[in-house]
Amino acid sequence: MDIKTLDCYQTAARSFATGGGATLEYAILGLAEEAGEVAGKVAKYIRKHPGASVDSIGGDIETRAALSLELGDCLWMVANAAAALGLTLATVANMNITKLEGRKKRGTIIGEGDHR
């Protein structure tokens, strides 16, 4: 399948969510788990390459491939969480860009808090 848009991806991803896997609870908990797997891959890279910059992961083909798969799993969970909330990925992405543009305009792109 040729995935050309976020919403096409979301529709395709949603087709693999079965039973309890289609729920918001599963998607949110699964996202936390998958994000932990991403962090674990980075931690193992740091352990194996003491003193190396984490930015150098892109040059490690094996770690880059593993991270690509885990990031895809994160995206799958986000797509299903959004769908469970009645949102499209395009809507979520557009809302995020609008939020970031506002922060940039106000000079608060670096900072803390949801509403800055």
N, C-alpha and C. Protein backbone atom coordinates (compact mmCIF):
# COMPACT_ATOMS: atom_id res chain seq x y z
N MET A 1 0.85 -1.18 0.00
CA MET A 1 0.00 0.00 0.00
C MET A 1 0.89 1.24 0.00
N ASP A 2 0.53 2.18 -0.82
CA ASP A 2 1.28 3.43 -0.90
C ASP A 2 0.66 4.42 0.08
N ILE A 3 1.37 4.70 1.17
CA ILE A 3 0.88 5.63 2.18
C ILE A 3 1.34 7.03 1.81
N LYS A 4 0.42 7.90 1.40
CA LYS A 4 0.80 9.23 0.95
C LYS A 4 0.43 10.33 1.93
N THR A 5 -0.49 10.07 2.81
CA THR A 5 -0.88 11.09 3.78
C THR A 5 -0.98 10.47 5.16
N LEU A 6 -0.98 11.33 6.15
CA LEU A 6 -1.14 10.84 7.52
C LEU A 6 -2.47 10.12 7.70
N ASP A 7 -3.52 10.65 7.08
CA ASP A 7 -4.82 10.02 7.25
C ASP A 7 -4.89 8.67 6.55
N CYS A 8 -4.22 8.53 5.42
CA CYS A 8 -4.16 7.22 4.76
C CYS A 8 -3.42 6.24 5.66
N TYR A 9 -2.31 6.70 6.26
CA TYR A 9 -1.58 5.85 7.19
C TYR A 9 -2.49 5.44 8.34
N GLN A 10 -3.21 6.41 8.90
CA GLN A 10 -4.06 6.12 10.05
C GLN A 10 -5.11 5.07 9.71
N THR A 11 -5.72 5.20 8.55
CA THR A 11 -6.72 4.22 8.13
C THR A 11 -6.09 2.83 8.00
N ALA A 12 -4.92 2.77 7.37
CA ALA A 12 -4.24 1.49 7.22
C ALA A 12 -3.84 0.93 8.58
N ALA A 13 -3.29 1.76 9.45
CA ALA A 13 -2.86 1.32 10.78
C ALA A 13 -4.06 0.81 11.59
N ARG A 14 -5.15 1.52 11.48
CA ARG A 14 -6.34 1.17 12.25
C ARG A 14 -6.86 -0.22 11.87
N SER A 15 -6.61 -0.61 10.62
CA SER A 15 -7.10 -1.91 10.16
C SER A 15 -6.42 -3.08 10.88
N PHE A 16 -5.32 -2.81 11.56
CA PHE A 16 -4.61 -3.86 12.29
C PHE A 16 -4.96 -3.88 13.78
N ALA A 17 -5.76 -2.91 14.22
CA ALA A 17 -6.16 -2.84 15.63
C ALA A 17 -7.37 -3.74 15.82
N THR A 18 -7.20 -4.79 16.60
CA THR A 18 -8.29 -5.74 16.82
C THR A 18 -8.63 -5.83 18.29
N GLY A 19 -9.86 -6.14 18.58
CA GLY A 19 -10.29 -6.34 19.96
C GLY A 19 -9.92 -5.18 20.85
N GLY A 20 -9.31 -5.50 21.98
CA GLY A 20 -8.90 -4.47 22.94
C GLY A 20 -7.84 -3.53 22.40
N GLY A 21 -7.16 -3.95 21.33
CA GLY A 21 -6.13 -3.11 20.73
C GLY A 21 -6.67 -1.88 20.04
N ALA A 22 -7.97 -1.80 19.89
CA ALA A 22 -8.59 -0.64 19.25
C ALA A 22 -9.01 0.42 20.26
N THR A 23 -8.74 0.19 21.53
CA THR A 23 -9.20 1.12 22.56
C THR A 23 -8.18 2.22 22.85
N LEU A 24 -8.67 3.32 23.37
CA LEU A 24 -7.79 4.43 23.76
C LEU A 24 -6.82 3.98 24.84
N GLU A 25 -7.32 3.24 25.81
CA GLU A 25 -6.46 2.77 26.91
C GLU A 25 -5.27 1.97 26.38
N TYR A 26 -5.54 1.03 25.48
CA TYR A 26 -4.46 0.21 24.93
C TYR A 26 -3.47 1.07 24.17
N ALA A 27 -3.98 2.00 23.35
CA ALA A 27 -3.10 2.84 22.54
C ALA A 27 -2.19 3.72 23.41
N ILE A 28 -2.75 4.29 24.47
CA ILE A 28 -1.94 5.16 25.34
C ILE A 28 -0.91 4.35 26.11
N LEU A 29 -1.32 3.23 26.67
CA LEU A 29 -0.36 2.38 27.39
C LEU A 29 0.68 1.81 26.43
N GLY A 30 0.23 1.41 25.24
CA GLY A 30 1.15 0.90 24.23
C GLY A 30 2.16 1.95 23.77
N LEU A 31 1.71 3.19 23.67
CA LEU A 31 2.62 4.28 23.29
C LEU A 31 3.72 4.45 24.34
N ALA A 32 3.34 4.39 25.60
CA ALA A 32 4.35 4.49 26.67
C ALA A 32 5.34 3.33 26.57
N GLU A 33 4.84 2.14 26.30
CA GLU A 33 5.71 0.97 26.17
C GLU A 33 6.66 1.13 24.98
N GLU A 34 6.12 1.53 23.83
CA GLU A 34 6.94 1.67 22.63
C GLU A 34 7.96 2.79 22.78
N ALA A 35 7.57 3.89 23.42
CA ALA A 35 8.52 4.98 23.67
C ALA A 35 9.65 4.49 24.57
N GLY A 36 9.32 3.63 25.51
CA GLY A 36 10.34 3.01 26.36
C GLY A 36 11.29 2.14 25.56
N GLU A 37 10.77 1.45 24.55
CA GLU A 37 11.64 0.63 23.70
C GLU A 37 12.58 1.51 22.88
N VAL A 38 12.10 2.66 22.42
CA VAL A 38 12.96 3.61 21.71
C VAL A 38 14.08 4.06 22.65
N ALA A 39 13.70 4.45 23.86
CA ALA A 39 14.69 4.90 24.84
C ALA A 39 15.68 3.78 25.16
N GLY A 40 15.21 2.55 25.23
CA GLY A 40 16.09 1.42 25.50
C GLY A 40 17.12 1.21 24.41
N LYS A 41 16.71 1.36 23.16
CA LYS A 41 17.66 1.23 22.04
C LYS A 41 18.74 2.30 22.14
N VAL A 42 18.34 3.52 22.51
CA VAL A 42 19.32 4.60 22.65
C VAL A 42 20.25 4.32 23.83
N ALA A 43 19.70 3.85 24.92
CA ALA A 43 20.52 3.52 26.09
C ALA A 43 21.56 2.45 25.76
N LYS A 44 21.15 1.42 25.01
CA LYS A 44 22.08 0.36 24.63
C LYS A 44 23.17 0.90 23.69
N TYR A 45 22.79 1.82 22.83
CA TYR A 45 23.78 2.44 21.94
C TYR A 45 24.82 3.20 22.78
N ILE A 46 24.35 3.97 23.75
CA ILE A 46 25.25 4.74 24.61
C ILE A 46 26.17 3.79 25.38
N ARG A 47 25.63 2.68 25.88
CA ARG A 47 26.44 1.71 26.62
C ARG A 47 27.53 1.11 25.73
N LYS A 48 27.17 0.81 24.50
CA LYS A 48 28.12 0.17 23.58
C LYS A 48 29.13 1.15 22.99
N HIS A 49 28.81 2.43 23.02
CA HIS A 49 29.67 3.46 22.42
C HIS A 49 29.93 4.58 23.42
N PRO A 50 30.68 4.30 24.49
CA PRO A 50 30.93 5.30 25.53
C PRO A 50 31.53 6.58 24.94
N GLY A 51 30.97 7.71 25.34
CA GLY A 51 31.49 9.00 24.89
C GLY A 51 31.00 9.44 23.52
N ALA A 52 30.32 8.55 22.81
CA ALA A 52 29.82 8.92 21.48
C ALA A 52 28.59 9.81 21.62
N SER A 53 28.43 10.69 20.67
CA SER A 53 27.24 11.54 20.64
C SER A 53 26.05 10.69 20.22
N VAL A 54 24.93 10.90 20.88
CA VAL A 54 23.71 10.18 20.50
C VAL A 54 23.34 10.53 19.06
N ASP A 55 23.71 11.71 18.61
CA ASP A 55 23.42 12.10 17.23
C ASP A 55 24.12 11.19 16.23
N SER A 56 25.15 10.48 16.66
CA SER A 56 25.87 9.59 15.75
C SER A 56 25.11 8.28 15.50
N ILE A 57 23.98 8.08 16.16
CA ILE A 57 23.18 6.87 15.94
C ILE A 57 22.82 6.73 14.47
N GLY A 58 22.56 7.85 13.80
CA GLY A 58 22.18 7.81 12.39
C GLY A 58 23.19 7.11 11.51
N GLY A 59 24.43 7.08 11.95
CA GLY A 59 25.48 6.41 11.19
C GLY A 59 25.61 4.93 11.50
N ASP A 60 24.92 4.48 12.54
CA ASP A 60 24.94 3.07 12.93
C ASP A 60 23.73 2.40 12.28
N ILE A 61 23.95 1.70 11.20
CA ILE A 61 22.86 1.14 10.39
C ILE A 61 21.93 0.25 11.21
N GLU A 62 22.51 -0.60 12.05
CA GLU A 62 21.70 -1.54 12.84
C GLU A 62 20.80 -0.80 13.83
N THR A 63 21.37 0.15 14.57
CA THR A 63 20.59 0.89 15.56
C THR A 63 19.56 1.77 14.87
N ARG A 64 19.94 2.38 13.77
CA ARG A 64 19.02 3.22 13.02
C ARG A 64 17.82 2.40 12.53
N ALA A 65 18.07 1.22 12.03
CA ALA A 65 16.99 0.35 11.56
C ALA A 65 16.07 -0.05 12.72
N ALA A 66 16.68 -0.40 13.86
CA ALA A 66 15.89 -0.80 15.02
C ALA A 66 15.03 0.37 15.52
N LEU A 67 15.61 1.57 15.54
CA LEU A 67 14.85 2.75 15.96
C LEU A 67 13.74 3.06 14.98
N SER A 68 13.99 2.87 13.70
CA SER A 68 12.96 3.10 12.70
C SER A 68 11.74 2.23 12.95
N LEU A 69 11.98 0.97 13.26
CA LEU A 69 10.87 0.06 13.55
C LEU A 69 10.12 0.46 14.82
N GLU A 70 10.84 0.83 15.85
CA GLU A 70 10.20 1.22 17.11
C GLU A 70 9.44 2.53 16.96
N LEU A 71 10.01 3.49 16.20
CA LEU A 71 9.29 4.74 15.96
C LEU A 71 8.01 4.48 15.17
N GLY A 72 8.06 3.52 14.26
CA GLY A 72 6.85 3.13 13.55
C GLY A 72 5.80 2.58 14.49
N ASP A 73 6.23 1.80 15.47
CA ASP A 73 5.28 1.29 16.47
C ASP A 73 4.68 2.44 17.28
N CYS A 74 5.49 3.45 17.61
CA CYS A 74 4.98 4.64 18.30
C CYS A 74 3.93 5.34 17.44
N LEU A 75 4.24 5.49 16.16
CA LEU A 75 3.30 6.15 15.25
C LEU A 75 1.99 5.37 15.17
N TRP A 76 2.08 4.04 15.15
CA TRP A 76 0.88 3.20 15.12
C TRP A 76 0.02 3.46 16.35
N MET A 77 0.65 3.54 17.50
CA MET A 77 -0.10 3.79 18.74
C MET A 77 -0.72 5.18 18.73
N VAL A 78 0.01 6.19 18.25
CA VAL A 78 -0.53 7.54 18.17
C VAL A 78 -1.73 7.57 17.21
N ALA A 79 -1.60 6.90 16.07
CA ALA A 79 -2.69 6.85 15.09
C ALA A 79 -3.94 6.24 15.71
N ASN A 80 -3.77 5.18 16.49
CA ASN A 80 -4.91 4.51 17.10
C ASN A 80 -5.48 5.30 18.28
N ALA A 81 -4.63 5.98 19.03
CA ALA A 81 -5.13 6.83 20.11
C ALA A 81 -5.96 7.98 19.53
N ALA A 82 -5.46 8.59 18.47
CA ALA A 82 -6.20 9.68 17.83
C ALA A 82 -7.54 9.18 17.31
N ALA A 83 -7.53 8.03 16.65
CA ALA A 83 -8.77 7.47 16.11
C ALA A 83 -9.77 7.18 17.23
N ALA A 84 -9.29 6.66 18.34
CA ALA A 84 -10.17 6.36 19.47
C ALA A 84 -10.80 7.63 20.04
N LEU A 85 -10.13 8.76 19.84
CA LEU A 85 -10.65 10.06 20.29
C LEU A 85 -11.48 10.75 19.20
N GLY A 86 -11.61 10.09 18.06
CA GLY A 86 -12.37 10.67 16.95
C GLY A 86 -11.59 11.74 16.20
N LEU A 87 -10.27 11.66 16.25
CA LEU A 87 -9.40 12.64 15.59
C LEU A 87 -8.64 11.97 14.46
N THR A 88 -8.34 12.73 13.42
CA THR A 88 -7.45 12.22 12.38
C THR A 88 -6.03 12.65 12.71
N LEU A 89 -5.07 11.91 12.18
CA LEU A 89 -3.67 12.30 12.37
C LEU A 89 -3.39 13.66 11.75
N ALA A 90 -4.02 13.96 10.63
CA ALA A 90 -3.82 15.27 10.00
C ALA A 90 -4.30 16.38 10.93
N THR A 91 -5.41 16.19 11.61
CA THR A 91 -5.90 17.18 12.56
C THR A 91 -4.92 17.37 13.70
N VAL A 92 -4.44 16.25 14.25
CA VAL A 92 -3.48 16.31 15.36
C VAL A 92 -2.20 17.01 14.90
N ALA A 93 -1.71 16.67 13.72
CA ALA A 93 -0.48 17.28 13.20
C ALA A 93 -0.68 18.78 12.96
N ASN A 94 -1.79 19.16 12.39
CA ASN A 94 -2.06 20.58 12.14
C ASN A 94 -2.19 21.36 13.44
N MET A 95 -2.84 20.78 14.44
CA MET A 95 -2.96 21.44 15.74
C MET A 95 -1.58 21.64 16.36
N ASN A 96 -0.70 20.65 16.20
CA ASN A 96 0.65 20.75 16.75
C ASN A 96 1.44 21.86 16.07
N ILE A 97 1.35 21.94 14.74
CA ILE A 97 2.07 22.99 14.01
C ILE A 97 1.54 24.37 14.41
N THR A 98 0.23 24.50 14.54
CA THR A 98 -0.36 25.77 14.96
C THR A 98 0.15 26.17 16.35
N LYS A 99 0.21 25.21 17.26
CA LYS A 99 0.72 25.47 18.61
C LYS A 99 2.18 25.91 18.55
N LEU A 100 3.00 25.21 17.76
CA LEU A 100 4.42 25.55 17.66
C LEU A 100 4.63 26.91 17.00
N GLU A 101 3.83 27.21 15.98
CA GLU A 101 3.93 28.53 15.33
C GLU A 101 3.62 29.64 16.33
N GLY A 102 2.61 29.43 17.16
CA GLY A 102 2.26 30.41 18.19
C GLY A 102 3.39 30.61 19.19
N ARG A 103 4.00 29.52 19.61
CA ARG A 103 5.12 29.61 20.55
C ARG A 103 6.30 30.35 19.92
N LYS A 104 6.56 30.04 18.66
CA LYS A 104 7.67 30.71 17.97
C LYS A 104 7.39 32.20 17.88
N LYS A 105 6.18 32.56 17.53
CA LYS A 105 5.79 33.97 17.39
C LYS A 105 5.92 34.71 18.73
N ARG A 106 5.56 34.04 19.83
CA ARG A 106 5.65 34.64 21.16
C ARG A 106 7.03 34.52 21.79
N GLY A 107 7.95 33.83 21.11
CA GLY A 107 9.29 33.62 21.65
C GLY A 107 9.32 32.65 22.81
N THR A 108 8.37 31.72 22.84
CA THR A 108 8.31 30.75 23.95
C THR A 108 8.53 29.32 23.47
N ILE A 109 9.17 29.17 22.31
CA ILE A 109 9.40 27.83 21.78
C ILE A 109 10.28 27.02 22.73
N ILE A 110 11.19 27.69 23.42
CA ILE A 110 12.01 27.04 24.46
C ILE A 110 11.41 27.47 25.79
N GLY A 111 11.05 26.52 26.58
CA GLY A 111 10.44 26.81 27.87
C GLY A 111 9.73 25.57 28.38
N GLU A 112 8.90 25.77 29.37
CA GLU A 112 8.16 24.66 29.96
C GLU A 112 6.70 25.03 30.10
N GLY A 113 5.88 24.01 30.13
CA GLY A 113 4.45 24.21 30.32
C GLY A 113 3.69 24.04 29.01
N ASP A 114 2.46 23.56 29.12
CA ASP A 114 1.65 23.33 27.94
C ASP A 114 1.17 24.61 27.29
N HIS A 115 0.86 25.60 28.09
CA HIS A 115 0.25 26.83 27.57
C HIS A 115 1.20 28.01 27.74
N ARG A 116 2.21 28.05 26.89
CA ARG A 116 3.17 29.15 26.98
C ARG A 116 3.19 29.98 25.72
